[in-house]
């Protein structure tokens, strides 16, 4: 009788451990499916992108020279602290570069302009280039 009760006690203690080992696989998307729907997440992302586009404008280009093999380009960044929709006042940064692979020439220039400076002073002078 003692052996039967000891065996029964052993199986009773072992059964919960066996069930604990059979957990369902983790689904990383489950919290999002429960807490947020996909449309709510998309609307939050679209709202963040709208705010980003309202405060920041980035333009630029890269122009390869087929004859010489060098590359020129520029990048212009405008930051609107109050947003484009509320004010035209902005901070501006402009950079341009030239890479010549034959002569290992690399030129990089960068310039900032705050809203207090008039736009006519924003020309390419060597005095305001970093």
Protein backbone atom coordinates (compact mmCIF):
# COMPACT_ATOMS: atom_id res chain seq x y z
CA UNK A 1 0.00 0.00 0.00
CA UNK A 2 2.85 2.31 0.77
CA UNK A 3 4.37 1.81 -2.66
CA UNK A 4 1.10 2.53 -4.40
CA UNK A 5 0.57 5.74 -2.44
CA UNK A 6 4.19 6.77 -3.04
CA UNK A 7 3.79 6.10 -6.78
CA UNK A 8 0.49 8.02 -6.87
CA UNK A 9 2.09 10.96 -5.06
CA UNK A 10 5.02 10.87 -7.48
CA UNK A 11 2.71 10.99 -10.54
CA UNK A 12 0.60 13.76 -8.99
CA UNK A 13 3.71 15.88 -8.48
CA UNK A 14 5.08 15.07 -11.95
CA UNK A 15 1.87 15.86 -13.87
CA UNK A 16 1.94 19.68 -13.38
CA UNK A 17 5.58 19.76 -14.46
CA UNK A 18 4.72 17.94 -17.68
CA UNK A 19 1.89 20.38 -18.40
CA UNK A 20 4.18 23.34 -17.75
CA UNK A 21 6.56 22.11 -20.45
CA UNK A 22 3.80 22.15 -23.08
CA UNK A 23 3.41 25.93 -23.43
CA UNK A 24 2.12 27.48 -26.63
CA UNK A 25 4.72 29.12 -28.90
CA UNK A 26 5.17 32.87 -28.45
CA UNK A 27 3.47 35.02 -31.09
CA UNK A 28 5.24 38.44 -31.26
CA UNK A 29 2.24 40.07 -32.97
CA UNK A 30 -0.25 38.96 -30.32
CA UNK A 31 0.10 42.10 -28.12
CA UNK A 32 -0.59 44.30 -31.14
CA UNK A 33 -3.58 42.23 -32.19
CA UNK A 34 -5.04 42.42 -28.72
CA UNK A 35 -4.21 46.02 -27.76
CA UNK A 36 -4.22 47.82 -31.10
CA UNK A 37 -5.74 47.02 -34.39
CA UNK A 38 -3.68 47.46 -37.53
CA UNK A 39 -5.72 50.50 -38.56
CA UNK A 40 -4.98 52.26 -35.27
CA UNK A 41 -1.24 51.66 -35.70
CA UNK A 42 -1.40 52.91 -39.30
CA UNK A 43 -3.23 56.07 -38.26
CA UNK A 44 -0.62 56.75 -35.57
CA UNK A 45 2.19 56.25 -38.08
CA UNK A 46 0.50 58.48 -40.67
CA UNK A 47 0.02 61.19 -38.04
CA UNK A 48 3.71 61.03 -37.12
CA UNK A 49 4.73 61.25 -40.79
CA UNK A 50 2.44 64.27 -41.31
CA UNK A 51 4.06 66.08 -38.39
CA UNK A 52 7.52 65.16 -39.72
CA UNK A 53 6.68 66.50 -43.20
CA UNK A 54 5.21 69.69 -41.72
CA UNK A 55 8.43 70.49 -39.82
CA UNK A 56 11.20 69.18 -42.09
CA UNK A 57 11.98 69.57 -45.78
CA UNK A 58 14.91 67.75 -47.38
CA UNK A 59 15.95 68.21 -51.01
CA UNK A 60 19.08 67.21 -52.85
CA UNK A 61 20.61 65.73 -55.94
CA UNK A 62 23.70 63.93 -57.21
CA UNK A 63 24.99 64.75 -60.68
CA UNK A 64 27.60 62.39 -62.15
CA UNK A 65 29.89 63.84 -64.81
CA UNK A 66 30.20 61.14 -67.48
CA UNK A 67 33.23 62.75 -69.17
CA UNK A 68 35.48 63.35 -66.13
CA UNK A 69 34.05 60.68 -63.86
CA UNK A 70 33.63 63.02 -60.91
CA UNK A 71 30.43 63.47 -58.95
CA UNK A 72 28.82 66.62 -57.64
CA UNK A 73 25.83 66.97 -55.42
CA UNK A 74 24.01 69.10 -52.91
CA UNK A 75 21.68 68.67 -49.99
CA UNK A 76 19.36 71.29 -48.53
CA UNK A 77 17.61 70.88 -45.20
CA UNK A 78 14.94 73.26 -43.91
CA UNK A 79 13.57 72.98 -40.38
CA UNK A 80 10.30 74.80 -39.61
CA UNK A 81 10.02 75.07 -35.79
CA UNK A 82 6.33 76.01 -35.91
CA UNK A 83 5.53 73.91 -38.98
CA UNK A 84 5.17 74.89 -42.64
CA UNK A 85 1.42 75.19 -42.24
CA UNK A 86 1.73 77.84 -39.50
CA UNK A 87 4.80 79.88 -40.47
CA UNK A 88 7.31 80.30 -43.28
CA UNK A 89 10.09 80.98 -40.77
CA UNK A 90 12.72 78.26 -40.93
CA UNK A 91 16.33 77.34 -40.23
CA UNK A 92 18.25 76.24 -43.28
CA UNK A 93 21.37 74.18 -43.82
CA UNK A 94 22.95 73.55 -47.18
CA UNK A 95 25.78 71.27 -48.12
CA UNK A 96 27.45 70.40 -51.37
CA UNK A 97 30.27 68.11 -52.42
CA UNK A 98 32.52 67.22 -55.32
CA UNK A 99 34.38 63.92 -55.64
CA UNK A 100 37.06 63.45 -58.31
CA UNK A 101 38.33 59.84 -58.30
CA UNK A 102 41.27 60.53 -60.67
CA UNK A 103 42.92 63.19 -58.51
CA UNK A 104 41.56 61.90 -55.17
CA UNK A 105 39.95 65.33 -54.74
CA UNK A 106 37.18 65.55 -52.19
CA UNK A 107 35.45 68.84 -51.43
CA UNK A 108 32.75 69.19 -48.81
CA UNK A 109 31.03 72.44 -47.81
CA UNK A 110 28.28 73.04 -45.30
CA UNK A 111 26.49 76.25 -44.35
CA UNK A 112 23.77 77.22 -41.85
CA UNK A 113 21.27 80.07 -42.00
CA UNK A 114 19.00 81.13 -39.16
CA UNK A 115 15.67 82.88 -39.78
CA UNK A 116 17.05 86.23 -38.58
CA UNK A 117 19.55 86.41 -41.46
CA UNK A 118 18.20 87.82 -44.71
CA UNK A 119 18.02 85.44 -47.64
CA UNK A 120 20.21 87.69 -49.82
CA UNK A 121 23.20 86.94 -47.57
CA UNK A 122 22.81 83.25 -48.27
CA UNK A 123 25.18 83.10 -51.21
CA UNK A 124 28.26 80.96 -51.56
CA UNK A 125 30.94 83.02 -49.85
CA UNK A 126 34.04 81.40 -48.40
CA UNK A 127 33.61 83.35 -45.16
CA UNK A 128 30.49 81.47 -44.06
CA UNK A 129 31.45 77.98 -45.20
CA UNK A 130 32.53 75.31 -42.72
